Amino acid sequence: MNRRSCLKMCAAALLTPWSMRAQAESGQSDLVRQAFQYAYPLVKNYLTIFQYALDPGGSQYKGPFNTLNSAARVYTPKDTAVITPNSDTPYSFIVFDLRAEPVVVSMPEIEAGRYYSLQLVDLYTHNVDYVGTRLDGNGGGDFLVAGPDWRGTAPAGIRRVVVMPTTLAVGIVRTQLFDPADINRIAEIQAGYKAQPLSAYTGNPPPQVAPAPDWPVINDAKLATDFWPLASFLLEFAPPLPWETELRGGFERVGLTAGSAWPDKAMSAELADEMRTMVQPELKAIFSEVKNLGDSSTIFGTPEFMKGRYLTRAAAAMGGIYGNSVEEALYLTFNRDEQRETLDGSKHRYVLRFASKVQLPPVDAFWSLTMYDTASQLLVDNPLDRYLINSAMLAGLKANERGEILLYLQHESPGKELESNWLPAPSAPFYAVMRLYLPKPEALDKSWIAPHVERQT
């Protein structure tokens, strides 16, 4: 062996342990990062679940598990549990605990021409299925919602069965409100929404009750400070999807194990510290991705649709959790003007211009444009108590001398004669979301072009 060959071999022998360690550490960091993106939507979802079903003394409490609770009103700035909420369909909610048995949800028959839907969201925040106008019409019926381990047979009278991939899930019912005077009819419809355990529906003895876990307390601060313990707890209710077995095994190698305490006794202090330290940078990374999401056509959907797209799923949960799948509703977010600058009601006035009523959003149900404060991601308090402009208000919108419909997005009133077209903005950065419920093909294939936000001053 010559001297040069010996030096190469010796150098390789010296460098190999360091290189292997660096590669291992790099791979471990990547795995922790992926675990965070994977688990973030579950923890964000649990924040709502806790407020809605596990915190009876809280301001956002709706009712216990497996009960359907309605509010015959639209959302206002006082509703803070869900970010970027809509304000044109009064909501009904149910938080499912499907460990013991399925739940039967009943929808009433309603008049043709009114939209309603039950969105079924698993713990991962996938839109597993829908019940209502688009898939079932307005004839109502009984629908069975089951957990991943249910192997029973649906009884007579059940129109459809939906099997959820997780044992904790959320159901959101939206009922179209035509105008303020329509609210009494909304209350009548909501009185027909019901939920009951399958055993109560069939009149059979109930199965053994699943043991109640020690539900951990969560709030906005704890989402960050207690992220990893919360993630480990929640994974127990979310079995790996068929294509995720290997991935979840990788998470276990860095100490993220379903239903186990975190950190466990086998985890090194160094790894636990690294995982804690990564939380804030990863939250910032997800927030950066929120700004790149664009319209909703690629960010909400079934488990199959979202397969492998964990960063997108996390960003969607942060930017607008419980968004609809595109077949149900298309969302367009307006957060920049034509100069690509952030919309800011303290600096400028803006308009959204439709050349005519023909250019308005093409839908089979309805459309709306809703205003949000950027900092809070909530509705904007204003003197008109107006949080949106929607298609039900079309008859009252004024066209200019060229037949154009201008929607005014600004903090100050555009003048009494134009206030019908005014969507009040905060004196701060803001964004607006246009929702197209049951969008027509031209909206989905993008042959319909949405207008840009124009800066006026």
Protein backbone atom coordinates (compact mmCIF):
# COMPACT_ATOMS: atom_id res chain seq x y z
CA MET A 1 0.00 0.00 0.00
CA ASN A 2 1.52 3.37 -0.98
CA ARG A 3 1.64 6.37 1.32
CA ARG A 4 -1.17 8.24 -0.49
CA SER A 5 -3.58 5.29 -0.20
CA CYS A 6 -2.76 4.92 3.49
CA LEU A 7 -3.47 8.59 4.16
CA LYS A 8 -6.83 8.36 2.39
CA MET A 9 -7.86 5.30 4.38
CA CYS A 10 -6.74 6.82 7.67
CA ALA A 11 -8.56 10.07 6.95
CA ALA A 12 -11.71 8.16 6.01
CA ALA A 13 -11.47 6.14 9.19
CA LEU A 14 -11.16 9.31 11.26
CA LEU A 15 -14.00 11.13 9.53
CA THR A 16 -16.52 8.31 9.30
CA PRO A 17 -17.77 8.38 12.95
CA TRP A 18 -18.19 12.17 12.85
CA SER A 19 -19.95 12.02 9.47
CA MET A 20 -22.27 9.25 10.61
CA ARG A 21 -23.12 11.19 13.74
CA ALA A 22 -23.76 14.41 11.80
CA GLN A 23 -25.94 12.53 9.32
CA ALA A 24 -27.85 10.85 12.15
CA GLU A 25 -28.40 14.17 13.93
CA SER A 26 -29.52 15.81 10.69
CA GLY A 27 -31.93 12.95 10.00
CA GLN A 28 -33.27 13.13 13.55
CA SER A 29 -33.91 16.87 13.23
CA ASP A 30 -35.73 16.33 9.96
CA LEU A 31 -37.87 13.65 11.59
CA VAL A 32 -38.72 15.93 14.53
CA ARG A 33 -39.66 18.69 12.09
CA GLN A 34 -41.88 16.34 10.13
CA ALA A 35 -43.46 15.09 13.36
CA PHE A 36 -44.30 18.66 14.31
CA GLN A 37 -45.94 19.41 10.97
CA TYR A 38 -47.84 16.12 11.16
CA ALA A 39 -49.11 16.67 14.70
CA TYR A 40 -49.81 20.41 14.60
CA PRO A 41 -53.31 20.07 13.01
CA LEU A 42 -54.31 17.53 15.68
CA VAL A 43 -53.27 19.86 18.50
CA LYS A 44 -54.91 22.87 16.83
CA ASN A 45 -58.09 20.81 16.36
CA TYR A 46 -58.01 19.75 20.02
CA LEU A 47 -57.94 23.42 21.03
CA THR A 48 -61.40 23.78 19.50
CA ILE A 49 -62.59 20.38 20.75
CA PHE A 50 -61.60 21.30 24.30
CA GLN A 51 -63.33 24.67 24.17
CA TYR A 52 -66.48 23.26 22.58
CA ALA A 53 -66.94 20.02 24.53
CA LEU A 54 -64.60 19.83 27.54
CA ASP A 55 -64.66 23.26 29.16
CA PRO A 56 -68.21 23.84 30.50
CA GLY A 57 -67.18 27.06 32.19
CA GLY A 58 -65.64 28.53 29.05
CA SER A 59 -67.20 31.19 26.83
CA GLN A 60 -67.02 28.96 23.72
CA TYR A 61 -68.60 25.83 25.26
CA LYS A 62 -71.29 24.18 23.10
CA GLY A 63 -72.15 20.94 24.91
CA PRO A 64 -70.83 17.48 25.83
CA PHE A 65 -69.56 14.88 23.36
CA ASN A 66 -72.02 13.39 20.86
CA THR A 67 -74.66 16.09 21.31
CA LEU A 68 -75.67 18.44 18.52
CA ASN A 69 -75.88 22.07 19.58
CA SER A 70 -77.04 24.99 17.46
CA ALA A 71 -76.91 28.77 17.55
CA ALA A 72 -79.63 30.60 15.62
CA ARG A 73 -77.31 33.49 14.86
CA VAL A 74 -74.30 34.21 12.71
CA TYR A 75 -70.75 34.58 14.01
CA THR A 76 -69.57 37.96 15.31
CA PRO A 77 -66.20 39.26 16.58
CA LYS A 78 -67.09 37.82 20.00
CA ASP A 79 -66.74 34.28 18.64
CA THR A 80 -63.06 33.47 19.04
CA ALA A 81 -62.72 29.66 19.16
CA VAL A 82 -62.45 29.24 15.37
CA ILE A 83 -60.26 31.50 13.25
CA THR A 84 -61.52 32.90 9.93
CA PRO A 85 -65.14 31.85 10.60
CA ASN A 86 -67.87 32.51 8.10
CA SER A 87 -70.74 34.75 9.11
CA ASP A 88 -73.44 33.84 6.60
CA THR A 89 -74.43 30.33 7.72
CA PRO A 90 -75.52 29.90 11.33
CA TYR A 91 -73.64 26.95 12.77
CA SER A 92 -74.56 23.77 14.57
CA PHE A 93 -71.78 21.68 16.15
CA ILE A 94 -71.09 18.20 17.39
CA VAL A 95 -67.86 16.84 18.81
CA PHE A 96 -67.76 13.07 18.34
CA ASP A 97 -66.26 10.53 20.73
CA LEU A 98 -66.68 7.35 18.67
CA ARG A 99 -64.72 4.95 20.87
CA ALA A 100 -67.73 3.14 22.36
CA GLU A 101 -70.21 3.15 19.48
CA PRO A 102 -71.33 5.09 16.39
CA VAL A 103 -73.55 8.17 16.49
CA VAL A 104 -76.63 8.70 14.32
CA VAL A 105 -77.07 12.27 13.05
CA SER A 106 -80.50 13.26 11.74
CA MET A 107 -81.02 16.02 9.21
CA PRO A 108 -84.51 17.47 8.63
CA GLU A 109 -86.10 17.91 5.23
CA ILE A 110 -85.83 21.55 4.14
CA GLU A 111 -87.09 23.64 1.25
CA ALA A 112 -85.40 23.53 -2.15
CA GLY A 113 -83.11 26.46 -2.80
CA ARG A 114 -81.65 26.64 0.70
CA TYR A 115 -78.17 25.20 1.23
CA TYR A 116 -77.26 23.07 4.24
CA SER A 117 -74.44 20.66 4.97
CA LEU A 118 -72.85 18.55 7.68
CA GLN A 119 -69.07 18.62 7.31
CA LEU A 120 -67.36 15.64 8.98
CA VAL A 121 -63.79 16.40 10.03
CA ASP A 122 -61.44 13.84 11.55
CA LEU A 123 -58.85 14.64 14.22
CA TYR A 124 -56.22 15.14 11.51
CA THR A 125 -58.50 17.91 10.08
CA HIS A 126 -59.32 15.97 6.90
CA ASN A 127 -62.79 16.48 5.45
CA VAL A 128 -63.78 12.83 5.45
CA ASP A 129 -67.28 13.29 4.03
CA TYR A 130 -70.32 15.54 3.79
CA VAL A 131 -74.04 15.13 4.35
CA GLY A 132 -76.57 17.53 2.87
CA THR A 133 -77.50 19.46 -0.25
CA ARG A 134 -74.62 18.52 -2.56
CA LEU A 135 -74.56 14.75 -1.99
CA ASP A 136 -77.97 13.94 -0.49
CA GLY A 137 -80.28 16.73 -1.58
CA ASN A 138 -82.56 18.53 0.88
CA GLY A 139 -84.71 15.56 1.82
CA GLY A 140 -83.00 14.93 5.14
CA GLY A 141 -82.63 11.53 6.82
CA ASP A 142 -80.58 9.59 9.34
CA PHE A 143 -76.83 9.17 8.83
CA LEU A 144 -74.54 6.90 10.85
CA VAL A 145 -71.08 8.17 11.80
CA ALA A 146 -68.73 5.44 13.03
CA GLY A 147 -65.18 5.19 14.33
CA PRO A 148 -62.34 3.29 12.63
CA ASP A 149 -62.87 0.06 14.61
CA TRP A 150 -66.61 -0.31 14.07
CA ARG A 151 -67.53 -3.52 12.25
CA GLY A 152 -71.30 -3.52 12.68
CA THR A 153 -74.19 -3.41 10.24
CA ALA A 154 -76.26 -0.29 9.74
CA PRO A 155 -79.88 -0.72 10.89
CA ALA A 156 -82.88 -0.08 8.68
CA GLY A 157 -83.58 3.59 8.19
CA ILE A 158 -79.96 4.72 7.84
CA ARG A 159 -79.42 6.54 4.55
CA ARG A 160 -75.62 6.42 4.58
CA VAL A 161 -72.70 5.30 6.76
CA VAL A 162 -69.57 7.42 7.19
CA VAL A 163 -66.58 5.72 8.80
CA MET A 164 -64.15 8.20 10.35
CA PRO A 165 -60.41 7.37 10.49
CA THR A 166 -60.14 8.74 14.05
CA THR A 167 -62.16 8.20 17.23
CA LEU A 168 -62.37 11.93 17.97
CA ALA A 169 -63.97 14.03 15.26
CA VAL A 170 -65.88 17.24 14.65
CA GLY A 171 -69.16 17.79 12.82
CA ILE A 172 -70.08 21.26 11.55
CA VAL A 173 -73.55 22.01 10.19
CA ARG A 174 -74.00 25.12 8.07
CA THR A 175 -77.49 26.41 7.27
CA GLN A 176 -77.92 29.18 4.73
CA LEU A 177 -79.39 32.42 6.06
CA PHE A 178 -81.06 34.56 3.41
CA ASP A 179 -81.41 37.78 5.43
CA PRO A 180 -81.86 38.88 9.07
CA ALA A 181 -85.62 38.31 8.90
CA ASP A 182 -84.91 34.66 7.99
CA ILE A 183 -83.46 33.83 11.41
CA ASN A 184 -86.71 32.35 12.78
CA ARG A 185 -86.78 29.84 9.93
CA ILE A 186 -83.16 28.98 10.73
CA ALA A 187 -84.16 28.20 14.31
CA GLU A 188 -86.91 25.89 13.04
CA ILE A 189 -84.47 24.02 10.82
CA GLN A 190 -81.87 23.74 13.56
CA ALA A 191 -84.45 22.23 15.89
CA GLY A 192 -84.56 19.30 13.47
CA TYR A 193 -80.84 18.55 13.74
CA LYS A 194 -80.38 15.68 16.18
CA ALA A 195 -77.66 13.27 17.30
CA GLN A 196 -77.90 10.11 19.37
CA PRO A 197 -75.82 7.00 20.05
CA LEU A 198 -76.59 4.06 17.78
CA SER A 199 -77.90 2.06 20.75
CA ALA A 200 -80.46 4.77 21.54
CA TYR A 201 -81.50 4.89 17.87
CA THR A 202 -82.12 1.13 17.76
CA GLY A 203 -83.46 0.82 21.31
CA ASN A 204 -80.75 -1.69 22.29
CA PRO A 205 -78.70 -1.68 25.51
CA PRO A 206 -75.68 0.62 25.22
CA PRO A 207 -72.22 -0.94 25.02
CA GLN A 208 -69.67 -0.54 27.77
CA VAL A 209 -68.67 3.09 28.10
CA ALA A 210 -65.14 3.88 26.98
CA PRO A 211 -63.00 5.02 29.93
CA ALA A 212 -62.76 8.79 30.17
CA PRO A 213 -59.18 9.96 29.68
CA ASP A 214 -57.64 12.69 31.79
CA TRP A 215 -58.31 15.33 29.14
CA PRO A 216 -55.41 17.81 29.21
CA VAL A 217 -56.19 21.50 29.44
CA ILE A 218 -55.20 23.49 26.36
CA ASN A 219 -55.23 27.16 25.44
CA ASP A 220 -53.32 29.28 22.94
CA ALA A 221 -50.24 29.44 25.16
CA LYS A 222 -50.25 25.73 26.05
CA LEU A 223 -50.48 24.82 22.37
CA ALA A 224 -46.84 25.91 22.18
CA THR A 225 -45.51 25.18 25.66
CA ASP A 226 -47.17 21.73 25.94
CA PHE A 227 -47.13 20.82 22.27
CA TRP A 228 -45.30 17.48 22.46
CA PRO A 229 -47.23 16.05 25.46
CA LEU A 230 -50.47 17.07 23.75
CA ALA A 231 -49.38 15.49 20.46
CA SER A 232 -48.49 12.19 22.15
CA PHE A 233 -51.84 12.17 23.95
CA LEU A 234 -53.86 12.87 20.81
CA LEU A 235 -52.18 10.29 18.59
CA GLU A 236 -53.94 7.62 20.67
CA PHE A 237 -57.22 8.76 19.08
CA ALA A 238 -55.75 8.89 15.56
CA PRO A 239 -54.56 5.52 14.23
CA PRO A 240 -52.04 5.76 11.39
CA LEU A 241 -53.62 5.95 7.97
CA PRO A 242 -52.79 2.93 5.76
CA TRP A 243 -49.82 4.67 4.14
CA GLU A 244 -48.41 6.11 7.39
CA THR A 245 -47.31 3.05 9.37
CA GLU A 246 -43.62 3.52 8.59
CA LEU A 247 -43.82 7.27 9.21
CA ARG A 248 -45.41 6.84 12.63
CA GLY A 249 -42.75 4.26 13.47
CA GLY A 250 -40.16 6.92 12.73
CA PHE A 251 -41.90 9.30 15.10
CA GLU A 252 -41.66 6.70 17.84
CA ARG A 253 -37.89 6.61 17.37
CA VAL A 254 -37.77 10.26 18.44
CA GLY A 255 -40.08 9.65 21.39
CA LEU A 256 -43.46 10.63 19.93
CA THR A 257 -45.54 7.58 20.81
CA ALA A 258 -49.34 7.44 20.76
CA GLY A 259 -50.82 7.63 24.25
CA SER A 260 -47.47 7.74 26.07
CA ALA A 261 -46.14 10.39 28.39
CA TRP A 262 -43.73 12.85 26.82
CA PRO A 263 -40.84 12.90 27.38
CA ASP A 264 -40.65 9.25 28.35
CA LYS A 265 -37.93 7.83 30.58
CA ALA A 266 -35.92 6.53 27.63
CA MET A 267 -35.64 9.93 25.94
CA SER A 268 -32.38 11.78 26.39
CA ALA A 269 -32.48 15.25 27.91
CA GLU A 270 -30.71 16.57 24.81
CA LEU A 271 -33.41 15.29 22.44
CA ALA A 272 -36.22 16.59 24.67
CA ASP A 273 -34.57 20.03 24.78
CA GLU A 274 -34.11 20.00 20.99
CA MET A 275 -37.77 19.17 20.44
CA ARG A 276 -38.92 21.92 22.82
CA THR A 277 -36.59 24.42 21.18
CA MET A 278 -37.93 23.58 17.71
CA VAL A 279 -41.54 24.50 18.54
CA GLN A 280 -41.35 28.26 18.03
CA PRO A 281 -39.27 28.12 14.80
CA GLU A 282 -41.64 25.51 13.39
CA LEU A 283 -44.69 27.60 14.27
CA LYS A 284 -43.08 30.47 12.36
CA ALA A 285 -42.34 28.17 9.42
CA ILE A 286 -45.96 27.07 9.25
CA PHE A 287 -47.11 30.69 9.49
CA SER A 288 -44.83 31.55 6.56
CA GLU A 289 -46.47 28.78 4.56
CA VAL A 290 -49.93 30.20 5.37
CA LYS A 291 -49.05 33.26 3.30
CA ASN A 292 -48.37 31.03 0.28
CA LEU A 293 -51.59 29.02 0.35
CA GLY A 294 -53.61 31.01 -2.20
CA ASP A 295 -57.11 29.70 -2.89
CA SER A 296 -58.56 26.71 -1.07
CA SER A 297 -58.74 24.27 -3.97
CA THR A 298 -55.61 22.37 -2.93
CA ILE A 299 -55.51 22.74 0.86
CA PHE A 300 -58.63 21.05 2.25
CA GLY A 301 -59.90 17.58 1.45
CA THR A 302 -60.12 13.90 2.20
CA PRO A 303 -57.25 11.86 3.69
CA GLU A 304 -56.47 10.58 0.20
CA PHE A 305 -56.47 14.09 -1.27
CA MET A 306 -54.10 15.39 1.41
CA LYS A 307 -51.86 12.29 1.41
CA GLY A 308 -48.27 13.21 2.31
CA ARG A 309 -48.91 17.00 2.29
CA TYR A 310 -48.30 17.59 5.96
CA LEU A 311 -46.95 21.14 5.79
CA THR A 312 -49.93 22.22 3.69
CA ARG A 313 -52.32 20.54 6.12
CA ALA A 314 -50.64 22.31 9.04
CA ALA A 315 -50.75 25.69 7.31
CA ALA A 316 -54.43 25.21 6.43
CA ALA A 317 -55.19 24.40 10.08
CA MET A 318 -53.34 27.51 11.20
CA GLY A 319 -54.80 29.80 8.55
CA GLY A 320 -58.41 28.60 8.49
CA ILE A 321 -59.17 25.35 10.27
CA TYR A 322 -62.31 23.48 9.13
CA GLY A 323 -62.23 24.93 5.65
CA ASN A 324 -64.46 23.11 3.17
CA SER A 325 -63.33 20.83 0.38
CA VAL A 326 -63.43 22.58 -2.97
CA GLU A 327 -66.48 20.67 -4.22
CA GLU A 328 -68.45 22.10 -1.31
CA ALA A 329 -67.00 25.59 -1.24
CA LEU A 330 -64.14 27.43 -2.93
CA TYR A 331 -62.33 30.07 -0.88
CA LEU A 332 -60.39 32.94 -2.41
CA THR A 333 -58.23 34.99 -0.05
CA PHE A 334 -57.52 38.65 -0.77
CA ASN A 335 -54.58 39.88 1.30
CA ARG A 336 -52.63 42.00 -1.20
CA ASP A 337 -53.49 44.77 -3.62
CA GLU A 338 -52.52 45.06 -7.29
CA GLN A 339 -49.08 46.32 -6.25
CA ARG A 340 -48.63 43.11 -4.20
CA GLU A 341 -48.64 45.11 -0.97
CA THR A 342 -50.43 43.94 2.17
CA LEU A 343 -53.94 45.32 2.61
CA ASP A 344 -53.95 47.87 5.45
CA GLY A 345 -57.01 49.89 6.45
CA SER A 346 -54.88 52.41 8.34
CA LYS A 347 -53.07 53.42 5.14
CA HIS A 348 -55.36 52.97 2.14
CA ARG A 349 -58.88 52.56 0.77
CA TYR A 350 -59.63 49.69 -1.61
CA VAL A 351 -62.32 48.41 -3.96
CA LEU A 352 -63.21 45.04 -5.45
CA ARG A 353 -64.67 45.75 -8.91
CA PHE A 354 -67.12 43.57 -10.83
CA ALA A 355 -67.66 44.76 -14.41
CA SER A 356 -71.31 43.66 -14.19
CA LYS A 357 -73.57 41.24 -12.36
CA VAL A 358 -72.54 38.62 -14.92
CA GLN A 359 -68.99 38.70 -13.54
CA LEU A 360 -70.13 37.95 -9.99
CA PRO A 361 -68.97 34.61 -8.54
CA PRO A 362 -70.61 31.62 -10.32
CA VAL A 363 -72.30 29.35 -7.76
CA ASP A 364 -75.16 26.90 -7.41
CA ALA A 365 -75.75 27.95 -3.78
CA PHE A 366 -74.42 31.38 -2.73
CA TRP A 367 -71.27 33.51 -2.44
CA SER A 368 -69.96 35.87 0.20
CA LEU A 369 -67.03 38.21 0.88
CA THR A 370 -66.04 38.39 4.56
CA MET A 371 -63.64 40.78 6.32
CA TYR A 372 -60.97 39.67 8.85
CA ASP A 373 -58.39 41.37 11.02
CA THR A 374 -54.94 39.98 10.14
CA ALA A 375 -53.56 39.94 13.68
CA SER A 376 -56.46 38.04 15.28
CA GLN A 377 -57.82 36.25 12.16
CA LEU A 378 -61.29 37.09 13.47
CA LEU A 379 -64.24 39.16 12.29
CA VAL A 380 -63.96 42.95 12.48
CA ASP A 381 -66.10 44.99 14.87
CA ASN A 382 -67.65 47.96 13.06
CA PRO A 383 -70.50 50.50 13.42
CA LEU A 384 -72.72 48.72 10.87
CA ASP A 385 -72.33 45.29 12.51
CA ARG A 386 -71.64 44.13 8.96
CA TYR A 387 -69.02 41.44 8.55
CA LEU A 388 -69.70 40.39 4.98
CA ILE A 389 -71.39 41.16 1.70
CA ASN A 390 -73.05 38.18 0.06
CA SER A 391 -75.29 37.20 -2.85
CA ALA A 392 -78.44 37.56 -0.73
CA MET A 393 -77.64 41.29 -0.55
CA LEU A 394 -77.26 41.64 -4.32
CA ALA A 395 -80.54 43.49 -4.85
CA GLY A 396 -79.39 46.22 -2.47
CA LEU A 397 -75.94 46.72 -4.03
CA LYS A 398 -75.58 49.85 -6.15
CA ALA A 399 -74.00 49.87 -9.61
CA ASN A 400 -72.12 52.90 -10.92
CA GLU A 401 -72.88 54.72 -14.17
CA ARG A 402 -70.93 52.08 -16.14
CA GLY A 403 -72.93 49.23 -14.61
CA GLU A 404 -70.01 48.15 -12.44
CA ILE A 405 -70.50 46.90 -8.89
CA LEU A 406 -67.80 48.22 -6.57
CA LEU A 407 -67.37 46.76 -3.10
CA TYR A 408 -65.60 49.23 -0.81
CA LEU A 409 -63.02 47.67 1.53
CA GLN A 410 -61.95 50.50 3.85
CA HIS A 411 -62.06 51.71 7.44
CA GLU A 412 -64.01 54.93 6.96
CA SER A 413 -67.46 55.08 5.38
CA PRO A 414 -67.42 55.79 1.61
CA GLY A 415 -70.41 58.08 2.17
CA LYS A 416 -74.01 57.38 3.11
CA GLU A 417 -75.10 56.83 -0.50
CA LEU A 418 -72.49 54.08 -0.99
CA GLU A 419 -72.70 52.33 2.38
CA SER A 420 -74.77 49.49 0.86
CA ASN A 421 -71.53 48.44 -0.89
CA TRP A 422 -69.22 49.04 2.09
CA LEU A 423 -67.46 46.16 3.83
CA PRO A 424 -65.87 47.85 6.87
CA ALA A 425 -62.17 47.15 7.41
CA PRO A 426 -60.10 47.65 10.57
CA SER A 427 -57.65 50.53 10.85
CA ALA A 428 -54.95 47.88 10.58
CA PRO A 429 -53.78 45.12 8.22
CA PHE A 430 -56.65 42.95 7.04
CA TYR A 431 -57.65 40.28 4.58
CA ALA A 432 -60.94 39.28 3.00
CA VAL A 433 -62.15 35.82 2.03
CA MET A 434 -64.57 35.16 -0.81
CA ARG A 435 -66.52 31.92 -0.41
CA LEU A 436 -68.28 30.25 -3.32
CA TYR A 437 -70.69 27.59 -1.98
CA LEU A 438 -71.29 24.83 -4.52
CA PRO A 439 -69.04 26.53 -7.09
CA LYS A 440 -69.94 26.07 -10.74
CA PRO A 441 -67.50 24.40 -13.17
CA GLU A 442 -66.24 27.74 -14.48
CA ALA A 443 -65.08 28.63 -10.97
CA LEU A 444 -63.32 25.30 -10.52
CA ASP A 445 -61.60 25.26 -13.93
CA LYS A 446 -60.65 28.93 -13.44
CA SER A 447 -62.32 30.15 -16.62
CA TRP A 448 -64.03 32.63 -14.28
CA ILE A 449 -61.44 35.17 -13.20
CA ALA A 450 -61.83 36.76 -9.79
CA PRO A 451 -61.18 40.53 -9.63
CA HIS A 452 -58.11 42.03 -7.95
CA VAL A 453 -58.25 44.36 -4.98
CA GLU A 454 -57.60 47.88 -6.30
CA ARG A 455 -55.98 50.53 -4.11
CA GLN A 456 -57.85 53.84 -4.28
CA THR A 457 -55.59 56.11 -2.20
